[in-house]
Amino acid sequence: MLEPSKSTDSSGMDEFGYAQTLDRSIGKFASFAAGVSYISILTGVFQLFYFGFSMAGPAYAWSWPIVFVGQLMVALCFAELAGRYPVAGSVYNWAKRLASGTSAWLAGWLLLLSSIMALGSVALALQITLPQLWSGFQIVGDGTGTYDFALNGVLLATIMITISTLINAFGVKLMTRINSIGVFVELIAAVLLILALGWHVVRGPGVFFDTAGFGEGHDLGFFGVFLIGAMASGYVMYGFDTASSLGEETKDPKRTAPKAILRAVTASFLLGGLILLFGILAAPDLTDPKIGAADGGLQHIVLSVLGGPFGKAFLVCIVVAVVVCTLAVHAAAIRMMFAMARDNNLPFSRQLSKVDPVRKTPTVAAIVIGVLAVIPLLVNITQPAIFTILSSISIVLIYLSYLLVTVPMLRKRLVKKWPGTGDHSETGFSMGKWGLPVNILAVLWGGAMTVNLIWPRPEIYNSVPPFEWYLQWGGVLFVAAVTGGGALLYRLKIRHQTGVLAEHAAPATIPVPVPAQEPPAGLDASSTGSGMSGPRDGDFEPQQVG
């Protein structure tokens, strides 16, 4: 009989049933930089510090190490998966191998929606920094008009998203080169900022053990406001899976991606935590209302402490961080859209999965993501309360999509099916005996954080007039709608068309002669091939790796 030979595709993508269509050019630092820039401590910490501080005061900083420990558990699970499946749209492809087709599709769907909304939210952070850097960046009015701040923010964000679209559409080499330079600047700036703030410390660490009157009058006391303030940290420390989502474009991805994931989340914790620590200890006056205001925050502390050109220089670095964070979020969203589209799991899949033959990047997906990201921004002009809801929901969707990976992974561990029996594929990272307790903690953390994020608090979901019940419950209603609606879309329509598009399928294997032998009973020609499978009862049939 004839036996299919090993594919000659040296990229290793045939192992997963796909052809190598993307440009494999990303090195170790660029992979690490992708994860760091998505988390982007200078973007997230500076964008959200005022919120955490206004809710729970200096003690809100304790949320940073708590969130890190929880997210590290998730990152360890992801590192183990990245060591086996470094494929574009990582969360989607991981869920496809761990659970049913419906769960996998929902994981990709939720993360895709959240990435599109997060792209606009990140770009909007320019409004917090640029006008403080130079008043000329307040292009619309002088900032005192009813809509000046919001409209100017949308304008700056739209310009940033347009630039990001052009860079991502041009090719991954340009994107990662700019991203790596930006991350290098961000890391150097973070270290220098820590040293500068540390030099100007004016109080001891006792301030972190003082509730300072925060929580008085709240039903749960300080714990209640701390849970709200902790969202400022929860909104920052995610996106480390980006290093694996670029796996198809990374050299030696099974070893590179897991290390990049863990290094990204650890480096972000250390640098971000020290900035929070010394920023609070160096603030001239912690009772200054500007520290808890959207147009002040940590930027105000830096300008107050360092002043003049030094403070302005650090604000420039924050702008650089926002730029590379925008690029990374955009890149991750593109890979998710591409991964789902090449499995024919989205409308217009053939167009969305098209790869430019010269630049070897999903150009159409880059443009579509850019256009879709601008649409929610328009809501922010006259309805900032609704945009705040959308921004908060985008983070909820990310934590839910992560749970759609960690939960089925835990289920497989409990029935001794992870790693799969007979799976001899090369593994770049393994937790060994620590896998089960870490996975349990990852699931518990993800569930607790999801509840905290979606909790219909007026401080999050209805903080400004008009005060309406449907705005306060907007997070719950929206998440239920996109999850339930997405599940129905998949079950009623998408699952009937699921299957790898021909142009993205692994090359046909070449038959070579082997000693004749009787085939097992019931075996037919359809049992051989690249290992890809189409839908089975509406769900994915995960191919065996190895």
Protein backbone atom coordinates (compact mmCIF):
# COMPACT_ATOMS: atom_id res chain seq x y z
CA MET A 1 0.00 0.00 0.00
CA LEU A 2 1.00 3.65 -0.12
CA GLU A 3 1.64 5.75 2.98
CA PRO A 4 1.72 9.54 2.98
CA SER A 5 5.17 10.92 3.52
CA LYS A 6 6.12 13.59 5.96
CA SER A 7 5.41 16.98 4.47
CA THR A 8 8.34 18.89 3.14
CA ASP A 9 6.97 22.10 4.64
CA SER A 10 9.78 23.14 6.97
CA SER A 11 7.61 25.77 8.68
CA GLY A 12 5.82 23.12 10.70
CA MET A 13 2.37 24.54 9.88
CA ASP A 14 1.37 21.31 8.14
CA GLU A 15 1.38 19.80 11.64
CA PHE A 16 -1.77 21.83 12.28
CA GLY A 17 -3.26 21.30 8.83
CA TYR A 18 -2.43 24.75 7.48
CA ALA A 19 -0.13 26.03 4.77
CA GLN A 20 2.52 28.60 5.73
CA THR A 21 1.13 31.78 4.16
CA LEU A 22 2.38 34.40 6.64
CA ASP A 23 5.91 35.78 6.87
CA ARG A 24 7.94 33.91 9.49
CA SER A 25 10.42 36.63 10.45
CA ILE A 26 9.80 37.52 14.12
CA GLY A 27 12.72 36.95 16.49
CA LYS A 28 12.87 36.46 20.25
CA PHE A 29 12.88 40.12 21.30
CA ALA A 30 10.15 41.05 18.82
CA SER A 31 7.97 38.23 20.19
CA PHE A 32 8.56 39.43 23.76
CA ALA A 33 7.92 43.01 22.65
CA ALA A 34 4.54 42.05 21.19
CA GLY A 35 3.32 40.80 24.56
CA VAL A 36 4.82 43.73 26.48
CA SER A 37 3.39 46.34 24.11
CA TYR A 38 -0.12 44.86 24.34
CA ILE A 39 0.00 44.98 28.15
CA SER A 40 1.82 48.33 27.84
CA ILE A 41 2.40 49.43 31.41
CA LEU A 42 2.98 53.07 30.50
CA THR A 43 -0.30 53.15 28.56
CA GLY A 44 -2.47 51.27 31.03
CA VAL A 45 -1.00 52.48 34.31
CA PHE A 46 -1.03 56.13 33.23
CA GLN A 47 -4.47 55.87 31.59
CA LEU A 48 -6.19 54.25 34.57
CA PHE A 49 -4.25 55.40 37.63
CA TYR A 50 -6.65 58.27 38.27
CA PHE A 51 -9.61 55.86 38.33
CA GLY A 52 -8.07 53.40 40.80
CA PHE A 53 -6.85 56.24 43.01
CA SER A 54 -10.20 58.05 42.97
CA MET A 55 -11.98 54.85 44.03
CA ALA A 56 -9.71 53.47 46.78
CA GLY A 57 -6.87 55.95 47.31
CA PRO A 58 -3.20 54.91 47.64
CA ALA A 59 -4.12 51.44 48.93
CA TYR A 60 -5.58 50.57 45.52
CA ALA A 61 -1.98 49.77 44.53
CA TRP A 62 -2.34 46.42 46.36
CA SER A 63 -4.53 45.30 43.47
CA TRP A 64 -1.48 45.25 41.19
CA PRO A 65 0.28 42.22 42.79
CA ILE A 66 -3.07 40.48 43.31
CA VAL A 67 -3.96 40.78 39.62
CA PHE A 68 -0.45 39.71 38.65
CA VAL A 69 -0.64 36.46 40.64
CA GLY A 70 -4.01 35.61 39.10
CA GLN A 71 -2.95 36.45 35.56
CA LEU A 72 0.34 34.59 36.00
CA MET A 73 -1.68 31.41 36.57
CA VAL A 74 -3.47 32.03 33.26
CA ALA A 75 -0.19 32.92 31.54
CA LEU A 76 1.38 29.63 32.68
CA CYS A 77 -1.52 27.68 31.15
CA PHE A 78 -1.18 29.68 27.95
CA ALA A 79 2.58 29.11 27.86
CA GLU A 80 1.99 25.36 27.97
CA LEU A 81 -0.47 25.64 25.08
CA ALA A 82 1.84 27.96 23.12
CA GLY A 83 4.59 25.34 23.49
CA ARG A 84 2.39 22.95 21.50
CA TYR A 85 0.17 25.13 19.31
CA PRO A 86 1.86 28.43 18.34
CA VAL A 87 -0.82 29.29 15.78
CA ALA A 88 -2.46 32.60 14.75
CA GLY A 89 -5.54 33.47 16.78
CA SER A 90 -4.06 31.50 19.65
CA VAL A 91 -7.03 31.53 22.08
CA TYR A 92 -9.40 30.42 19.31
CA ASN A 93 -7.10 27.66 18.07
CA TRP A 94 -6.35 26.45 21.61
CA ALA A 95 -10.06 26.22 22.43
CA LYS A 96 -10.56 24.33 19.16
CA ARG A 97 -8.23 21.59 20.41
CA LEU A 98 -9.60 21.52 23.96
CA ALA A 99 -13.36 21.85 23.56
CA SER A 100 -16.28 21.76 21.14
CA GLY A 101 -16.58 23.82 18.00
CA THR A 102 -19.18 26.06 19.63
CA SER A 103 -16.89 26.90 22.55
CA ALA A 104 -13.93 27.48 20.23
CA TRP A 105 -15.91 29.77 17.98
CA LEU A 106 -17.22 31.74 20.96
CA ALA A 107 -13.69 32.12 22.34
CA GLY A 108 -12.55 33.62 19.05
CA TRP A 109 -15.72 35.67 18.59
CA LEU A 110 -15.54 37.26 22.06
CA LEU A 111 -11.82 38.01 21.81
CA LEU A 112 -12.24 39.47 18.33
CA LEU A 113 -15.01 41.82 19.49
CA SER A 114 -13.05 42.82 22.59
CA SER A 115 -9.91 43.52 20.56
CA ILE A 116 -11.81 45.79 18.19
CA MET A 117 -13.28 47.78 21.09
CA ALA A 118 -9.97 47.78 22.99
CA LEU A 119 -8.20 49.19 19.94
CA GLY A 120 -10.35 52.31 20.10
CA SER A 121 -10.00 52.58 23.88
CA VAL A 122 -6.19 52.39 23.72
CA ALA A 123 -5.95 54.98 20.96
CA LEU A 124 -8.27 57.25 22.98
CA ALA A 125 -5.57 57.36 25.70
CA LEU A 126 -3.73 59.92 23.56
CA GLN A 127 -6.27 62.50 24.71
CA ILE A 128 -5.13 62.10 28.32
CA THR A 129 -1.45 62.73 27.53
CA LEU A 130 -1.02 64.79 24.36
CA PRO A 131 -2.86 67.97 25.50
CA GLN A 132 -0.83 67.90 28.76
CA LEU A 133 2.30 67.66 26.64
CA TRP A 134 1.34 70.60 24.40
CA SER A 135 -1.91 72.58 24.34
CA GLY A 136 -1.81 72.56 20.53
CA PHE A 137 -2.92 68.92 20.58
CA GLN A 138 -6.31 70.13 21.84
CA ILE A 139 -7.36 70.69 18.23
CA VAL A 140 -11.10 70.95 18.94
CA GLY A 141 -11.88 74.01 21.04
CA ASP A 142 -9.91 74.76 24.20
CA GLY A 143 -11.08 71.78 26.25
CA THR A 144 -13.71 73.73 28.18
CA GLY A 145 -16.61 73.14 25.80
CA THR A 146 -19.18 70.43 26.45
CA TYR A 147 -17.82 68.12 23.78
CA ASP A 148 -14.30 69.50 23.30
CA PHE A 149 -12.52 66.80 25.31
CA ALA A 150 -14.50 63.89 23.85
CA LEU A 151 -14.47 65.08 20.23
CA ASN A 152 -10.75 65.85 20.31
CA GLY A 153 -10.06 62.42 21.78
CA VAL A 154 -11.99 60.74 18.98
CA LEU A 155 -10.08 62.78 16.39
CA LEU A 156 -6.68 61.85 17.83
CA ALA A 157 -7.70 58.20 18.20
CA THR A 158 -8.96 58.03 14.61
CA ILE A 159 -5.67 59.42 13.30
CA MET A 160 -3.76 56.87 15.39
CA ILE A 161 -5.90 53.95 14.18
CA THR A 162 -5.42 55.08 10.58
CA ILE A 163 -1.64 55.07 11.03
CA SER A 164 -1.80 51.67 12.71
CA THR A 165 -3.89 50.29 9.84
CA LEU A 166 -1.33 51.43 7.27
CA ILE A 167 1.61 49.98 9.23
CA ASN A 168 -0.08 46.62 9.91
CA ALA A 169 -1.28 46.35 6.31
CA PHE A 170 2.23 47.00 4.99
CA GLY A 171 3.70 43.91 6.64
CA VAL A 172 4.70 42.26 9.90
CA LYS A 173 8.37 43.19 9.49
CA LEU A 174 7.62 46.93 9.59
CA MET A 175 5.13 46.51 12.44
CA THR A 176 7.49 44.46 14.62
CA ARG A 177 10.44 46.75 13.87
CA ILE A 178 8.50 49.83 15.02
CA ASN A 179 7.01 47.88 17.90
CA SER A 180 10.40 46.61 19.12
CA ILE A 181 11.92 50.10 19.00
CA GLY A 182 8.91 51.49 20.85
CA VAL A 183 9.05 48.80 23.52
CA PHE A 184 12.78 49.39 24.01
CA VAL A 185 12.04 53.09 24.54
CA GLU A 186 9.16 52.23 26.87
CA LEU A 187 11.28 49.89 29.00
CA ILE A 188 14.17 52.38 29.30
CA ALA A 189 11.70 55.17 30.12
CA ALA A 190 10.00 53.00 32.76
CA VAL A 191 13.32 52.26 34.49
CA LEU A 192 14.39 55.92 34.40
CA LEU A 193 10.97 57.03 35.65
CA ILE A 194 11.19 54.58 38.57
CA LEU A 195 14.62 55.92 39.50
CA ALA A 196 13.49 59.56 39.19
CA LEU A 197 10.34 59.05 41.27
CA GLY A 198 12.26 57.00 43.81
CA TRP A 199 14.73 59.88 44.20
CA HIS A 200 11.85 62.26 45.03
CA VAL A 201 10.03 60.08 47.58
CA VAL A 202 8.50 62.27 50.31
CA ARG A 203 6.62 59.72 52.46
CA GLY A 204 6.95 56.20 53.81
CA PRO A 205 5.12 53.03 52.74
CA GLY A 206 2.66 53.36 55.64
CA VAL A 207 0.33 55.20 53.26
CA PHE A 208 -0.49 51.89 51.58
CA PHE A 209 -1.87 50.54 54.84
CA ASP A 210 -4.18 53.50 55.43
CA THR A 211 -7.65 53.50 53.90
CA ALA A 212 -7.61 57.32 54.17
CA GLY A 213 -11.39 57.46 54.62
CA PHE A 214 -12.13 55.69 51.34
CA GLY A 215 -15.07 53.30 51.57
CA GLU A 216 -16.96 55.23 54.22
CA GLY A 217 -20.66 54.94 53.47
CA HIS A 218 -20.18 52.08 51.01
CA ASP A 219 -22.14 48.89 51.70
CA LEU A 220 -18.96 46.78 51.77
CA GLY A 221 -16.75 49.46 53.26
CA PHE A 222 -13.19 49.75 51.95
CA PHE A 223 -13.36 46.24 50.47
CA GLY A 224 -16.18 47.41 48.22
CA VAL A 225 -14.30 50.38 46.80
CA PHE A 226 -11.09 48.32 46.58
CA LEU A 227 -12.86 45.84 44.30
CA ILE A 228 -13.84 48.74 42.06
CA GLY A 229 -10.36 50.28 42.13
CA ALA A 230 -8.81 46.88 41.38
CA MET A 231 -10.39 47.08 37.94
CA ALA A 232 -7.74 49.66 37.05
CA SER A 233 -5.15 46.87 37.38
CA GLY A 234 -7.38 44.24 35.81
CA TYR A 235 -7.84 46.46 32.76
CA VAL A 236 -4.06 46.52 32.17
CA MET A 237 -2.58 43.08 32.71
CA TYR A 238 -3.91 41.04 29.80
CA GLY A 239 -3.00 40.45 26.15
CA PHE A 240 0.14 38.44 26.88
CA ASP A 241 -1.21 35.76 24.52
CA THR A 242 -0.30 38.10 21.63
CA ALA A 243 3.20 36.57 21.60
CA SER A 244 1.65 33.23 20.65
CA SER A 245 -0.93 34.73 18.30
CA LEU A 246 2.05 35.86 16.20
CA GLY A 247 3.45 32.31 16.43
CA GLU A 248 3.04 31.58 12.73
CA GLU A 249 5.33 34.52 12.04
CA THR A 250 7.85 33.70 14.80
CA LYS A 251 11.08 31.74 14.44
CA ASP A 252 11.21 28.56 16.57
CA PRO A 253 7.78 29.47 18.03
CA LYS A 254 7.32 26.46 20.33
CA ARG A 255 10.26 27.63 22.41
CA THR A 256 10.06 31.36 21.79
CA ALA A 257 6.33 32.00 22.41
CA PRO A 258 6.04 30.44 25.92
CA LYS A 259 9.08 32.35 27.17
CA ALA A 260 7.79 35.57 25.61
CA ILE A 261 4.40 35.17 27.35
CA LEU A 262 5.90 34.66 30.80
CA ARG A 263 8.58 37.33 30.41
CA ALA A 264 6.04 39.87 29.17
CA VAL A 265 3.67 39.49 32.11
CA THR A 266 6.51 39.38 34.66
CA ALA A 267 8.36 42.41 33.29
CA SER A 268 5.11 44.36 33.14
CA PHE A 269 4.31 43.50 36.76
CA LEU A 270 7.73 44.54 38.06
CA LEU A 271 8.01 47.82 36.17
CA GLY A 272 4.34 48.80 36.51
CA GLY A 273 4.33 47.97 40.22
CA LEU A 274 7.41 50.08 40.92
CA ILE A 275 5.95 53.03 38.99
CA LEU A 276 2.78 52.82 41.11
CA LEU A 277 4.78 52.46 44.31
CA PHE A 278 7.16 55.37 43.80
CA GLY A 279 4.55 57.53 42.05
CA ILE A 280 2.35 57.49 45.14
CA LEU A 281 5.28 57.91 47.53
CA ALA A 282 6.64 60.86 45.53
CA ALA A 283 3.36 62.75 45.01
CA PRO A 284 3.68 66.20 46.63
CA ASP A 285 0.12 66.14 47.99
CA LEU A 286 -2.08 63.04 47.95
CA THR A 287 -5.14 65.16 48.75
CA ASP A 288 -4.76 67.05 45.46
CA PRO A 289 -8.05 66.40 43.61
CA LYS A 290 -6.18 66.50 40.31
CA ILE A 291 -4.62 63.08 41.09
CA GLY A 292 -8.04 61.44 40.93
CA ALA A 293 -9.20 63.37 37.85
CA ALA A 294 -9.15 62.14 34.23
CA ASP A 295 -7.13 65.15 33.09
CA GLY A 296 -4.55 64.68 35.85
CA GLY A 297 -3.70 61.31 37.38
CA LEU A 298 -0.19 59.92 37.28
CA GLN A 299 0.74 62.36 34.50
CA HIS A 300 0.01 65.19 36.93
CA ILE A 301 2.27 63.59 39.57
CA VAL A 302 5.13 63.19 37.08
CA LEU A 303 4.85 66.80 35.92
CA SER A 304 4.59 68.04 39.51
CA VAL A 305 7.58 66.03 40.74
CA LEU A 306 9.94 66.26 37.77
CA GLY A 307 8.62 69.44 36.20
CA GLY A 308 9.70 71.21 33.04
CA PRO A 309 11.56 69.32 30.31
CA PHE A 310 12.07 66.11 32.30
CA GLY A 311 8.36 65.67 32.96
CA LYS A 312 7.56 66.46 29.33
CA ALA A 313 10.15 63.93 28.14
CA PHE A 314 8.46 61.16 30.11
CA LEU A 315 5.08 62.16 28.69
CA VAL A 316 6.59 61.74 25.21
CA CYS A 317 7.57 58.20 26.20
CA ILE A 318 3.99 57.57 27.30
CA VAL A 319 2.81 58.64 23.85
CA VAL A 320 5.31 56.19 22.31
CA ALA A 321 3.85 53.47 24.55
CA VAL A 322 0.31 54.27 23.40
CA VAL A 323 1.42 54.08 19.77
CA VAL A 324 3.06 50.65 20.08
CA CYS A 325 0.19 49.37 22.24
CA THR A 326 -2.22 50.39 19.47
CA LEU A 327 -0.07 48.55 16.93
CA ALA A 328 0.01 45.39 19.07
CA VAL A 329 -3.74 45.34 19.79
CA HIS A 330 -4.41 45.89 16.09
CA ALA A 331 -1.99 43.10 15.11
CA ALA A 332 -3.60 40.65 17.55
CA ALA A 333 -7.10 41.47 16.28
CA ILE A 334 -5.95 40.93 12.69
CA ARG A 335 -4.53 37.47 13.51
CA MET A 336 -7.76 36.46 15.25
CA MET A 337 -9.88 37.56 12.30
CA PHE A 338 -7.51 35.81 9.88
CA ALA A 339 -7.46 32.57 11.92
CA MET A 340 -11.25 32.36 12.09
CA ALA A 341 -11.71 33.37 8.46
CA ARG A 342 -9.35 30.74 7.02
CA ASP A 343 -11.49 28.14 8.83
CA ASN A 344 -14.46 29.71 7.00
CA ASN A 345 -15.87 30.74 10.35
CA LEU A 346 -16.75 34.35 9.55
CA PRO A 347 -18.89 36.11 6.94
CA PHE A 348 -16.81 36.97 3.86
CA SER A 349 -14.15 34.53 5.07
CA ARG A 350 -12.39 34.24 1.73
CA GLN A 351 -11.81 37.99 1.56
CA LEU A 352 -10.90 38.41 5.24
CA SER A 353 -8.36 35.58 5.12
CA LYS A 354 -6.66 36.83 1.96
CA VAL A 355 -2.90 37.26 2.39
CA ASP A 356 -1.02 39.75 0.25
CA PRO A 357 1.38 37.67 -1.89
CA VAL A 358 4.19 40.21 -1.57
CA ARG A 359 3.85 41.50 2.01
CA LYS A 360 2.54 38.14 3.34
CA THR A 361 0.11 39.81 5.72
CA PRO A 362 -3.74 39.78 5.92
CA THR A 363 -4.18 43.24 4.40
CA VAL A 364 -7.97 43.13 4.08
CA ALA A 365 -8.36 42.09 7.72
CA ALA A 366 -6.08 44.96 8.79
CA ILE A 367 -8.27 47.51 7.01
CA VAL A 368 -11.57 46.02 8.23
CA ILE A 369 -10.36 45.95 11.85
CA GLY A 370 -9.28 49.61 11.58
CA VAL A 371 -12.66 50.72 10.21
CA LEU A 372 -14.64 48.73 12.78
CA ALA A 373 -12.54 50.14 15.66
CA VAL A 374 -13.44 53.73 14.75
CA ILE A 375 -17.21 53.14 14.82
CA PRO A 376 -17.57 52.72 18.63
CA LEU A 377 -15.43 55.83 19.11
CA LEU A 378 -18.13 57.96 17.50
CA VAL A 379 -20.44 57.06 20.39
CA ASN A 380 -17.99 58.73 22.78
CA ILE A 381 -18.64 62.19 21.32
CA THR A 382 -22.11 62.67 22.79
CA GLN A 383 -22.59 59.51 24.89
CA PRO A 384 -19.41 58.98 26.96
CA ALA A 385 -21.38 56.82 29.42
CA ILE A 386 -22.14 54.30 26.68
CA PHE A 387 -18.53 54.29 25.48
CA THR A 388 -17.37 53.68 29.06
CA ILE A 389 -19.71 50.68 29.15
CA LEU A 390 -18.29 49.38 25.86
CA SER A 391 -14.72 49.82 27.09
CA SER A 392 -15.47 47.95 30.30
CA ILE A 393 -17.30 45.21 28.43
CA SER A 394 -14.33 44.69 26.12
CA ILE A 395 -12.26 43.63 29.15
CA VAL A 396 -15.04 41.34 30.39
CA LEU A 397 -15.09 39.61 27.00
CA ILE A 398 -11.34 39.04 27.17
CA TYR A 399 -11.58 37.36 30.58
CA LEU A 400 -14.51 35.24 29.32
CA SER A 401 -12.55 34.14 26.25
CA TYR A 402 -9.63 33.16 28.48
CA LEU A 403 -12.02 31.06 30.60
CA LEU A 404 -13.13 29.25 27.44
CA VAL A 405 -9.56 27.97 27.27
CA THR A 406 -8.63 27.38 30.91
CA VAL A 407 -11.89 25.62 31.84
CA PRO A 408 -11.77 22.90 29.12
CA MET A 409 -8.03 22.57 29.74
CA LEU A 410 -8.77 21.84 33.40
CA ARG A 411 -11.48 19.38 32.44
CA LYS A 412 -9.00 17.47 30.27
CA ARG A 413 -6.46 17.45 33.10
CA LEU A 414 -9.00 16.00 35.50
CA VAL A 415 -9.78 13.10 33.13
CA LYS A 416 -6.07 12.59 32.37
CA LYS A 417 -6.38 13.74 28.74
CA TRP A 418 -3.93 16.61 28.95
CA PRO A 419 -1.46 16.28 27.46
CA GLY A 420 -3.18 13.91 25.06
CA THR A 421 -2.27 10.28 25.22
CA GLY A 422 -0.01 9.26 22.39
CA ASP A 423 0.85 12.91 21.67
CA HIS A 424 4.54 12.86 20.88
CA SER A 425 4.76 16.31 19.34
CA GLU A 426 7.58 18.58 20.35
CA THR A 427 6.71 20.62 23.44
CA GLY A 428 8.31 23.95 24.22
CA PHE A 429 7.02 24.33 27.80
CA SER A 430 5.40 22.11 30.42
CA MET A 431 4.32 22.72 34.01
CA GLY A 432 4.61 19.04 34.89
CA LYS A 433 3.06 18.19 38.27
CA TRP A 434 2.22 21.84 38.92
CA GLY A 435 -0.15 21.92 35.96
CA LEU A 436 -3.31 20.88 37.85
CA PRO A 437 -3.08 23.32 40.81
CA VAL A 438 -2.06 26.17 38.52
CA ASN A 439 -4.93 25.42 36.15
CA ILE A 440 -7.43 25.30 39.04
CA LEU A 441 -6.21 28.69 40.29
CA ALA A 442 -6.41 30.11 36.75
CA VAL A 443 -10.07 29.09 36.45
CA LEU A 444 -11.00 30.37 39.93
CA TRP A 445 -9.24 33.66 39.25
CA GLY A 446 -10.81 34.10 35.83
CA GLY A 447 -14.29 33.44 37.20
CA ALA A 448 -13.88 35.80 40.17
CA MET A 449 -12.45 38.59 38.01
CA THR A 450 -15.21 38.21 35.42
CA VAL A 451 -17.86 38.61 38.13
CA ASN A 452 -16.06 41.66 39.54
CA LEU A 453 -15.76 43.24 36.10
CA ILE A 454 -19.36 42.67 35.01
CA TRP A 455 -20.94 43.57 38.38
CA PRO A 456 -23.52 46.29 37.53
CA ARG A 457 -22.02 49.05 39.67
CA PRO A 458 -23.10 52.63 38.98
CA GLU A 459 -19.47 53.76 39.44
CA ILE A 460 -18.54 51.80 36.29
CA TYR A 461 -21.62 51.43 34.14
CA ASN A 462 -23.57 54.59 34.98
CA SER A 463 -21.12 57.09 36.44
CA VAL A 464 -22.44 60.17 34.59
CA PRO A 465 -25.95 61.40 33.73
CA PRO A 466 -28.40 60.24 32.52
CA PHE A 467 -28.78 57.72 35.33
CA GLU A 468 -30.79 54.89 33.80
CA TRP A 469 -31.21 51.27 34.90
CA TYR A 470 -30.37 49.94 31.45
CA LEU A 471 -27.03 51.77 31.51
CA GLN A 472 -26.13 50.32 34.90
CA TRP A 473 -27.04 46.85 33.64
CA GLY A 474 -25.48 47.56 30.25
CA GLY A 475 -22.52 45.26 30.86
CA VAL A 476 -24.66 42.26 31.73
CA LEU A 477 -27.10 42.92 28.88
CA PHE A 478 -24.41 43.44 26.26
CA VAL A 479 -22.34 40.41 27.26
CA ALA A 480 -25.47 38.24 27.28
CA ALA A 481 -26.43 39.58 23.85
CA VAL A 482 -23.06 39.06 22.13
CA THR A 483 -22.54 35.66 23.78
CA GLY A 484 -26.05 34.35 23.16
CA GLY A 485 -26.28 35.96 19.74
CA GLY A 486 -22.86 34.62 18.80
CA ALA A 487 -23.77 31.09 19.88
CA LEU A 488 -26.97 31.20 17.82
CA LEU A 489 -25.11 32.57 14.78
CA TYR A 490 -22.64 29.71 14.98
CA ARG A 491 -25.17 26.96 15.62
CA LEU A 492 -27.69 28.10 13.01
CA LYS A 493 -25.35 29.19 10.21
CA ILE A 494 -21.59 29.24 10.65
CA ARG A 495 -21.12 25.62 11.70
CA HIS A 496 -22.61 24.41 8.41
CA GLN A 497 -19.82 26.07 6.41
CA THR A 498 -16.88 25.35 8.73
CA GLY A 499 -13.79 23.94 7.05
CA VAL A 500 -10.31 25.15 6.14
CA LEU A 501 -10.36 27.12 2.90
CA ALA A 502 -8.43 25.39 0.11
CA GLU A 503 -5.89 28.18 -0.25
CA HIS A 504 -4.90 27.83 3.41
CA ALA A 505 -4.92 24.03 3.71
CA ALA A 506 -1.66 22.13 4.12
CA PRO A 507 -0.11 21.00 0.84
CA ALA A 508 -1.14 17.56 -0.36
CA THR A 509 1.22 14.89 0.87
CA ILE A 510 3.33 12.92 -1.59
CA PRO A 511 2.76 9.16 -1.62
CA VAL A 512 5.86 6.98 -1.35
CA PRO A 513 6.02 3.19 -1.60
CA VAL A 514 6.14 1.18 1.61
CA PRO A 515 6.01 -2.57 2.23
CA ALA A 516 2.60 -3.99 1.37
CA GLN A 517 0.33 -4.72 4.29
CA GLU A 518 -3.35 -5.27 4.87
CA PRO A 519 -5.24 -2.12 5.79
CA PRO A 520 -7.30 -2.21 8.96
CA ALA A 521 -10.90 -3.18 8.44
CA GLY A 522 -13.10 -0.28 7.48
CA LEU A 523 -10.24 2.01 6.41
CA ASP A 524 -10.83 3.90 3.20
CA ALA A 525 -9.00 6.53 1.20
CA SER A 526 -10.60 9.36 3.12
CA SER A 527 -8.74 8.31 6.25
CA THR A 528 -5.45 9.68 4.96
CA GLY A 529 -4.47 13.23 4.19
CA SER A 530 -3.13 16.30 5.84
CA GLY A 531 -4.83 15.65 9.14
CA MET A 532 -7.34 18.47 8.79
CA SER A 533 -10.93 17.75 9.51
CA GLY A 534 -14.15 19.47 8.70
CA PRO A 535 -17.18 19.90 10.95
CA ARG A 536 -18.55 16.93 12.84
CA ASP A 537 -22.09 17.35 14.11
CA GLY A 538 -21.50 21.05 13.89
CA ASP A 539 -18.31 21.00 15.94
CA PHE A 540 -14.61 20.98 15.16
CA GLU A 541 -12.81 17.66 15.04
CA PRO A 542 -9.40 18.58 16.49
CA GLN A 543 -6.64 17.00 14.46
CA GLN A 544 -4.10 14.88 16.25
CA VAL A 545 -0.70 16.52 16.38
CA GLY A 546 2.42 14.52 15.78
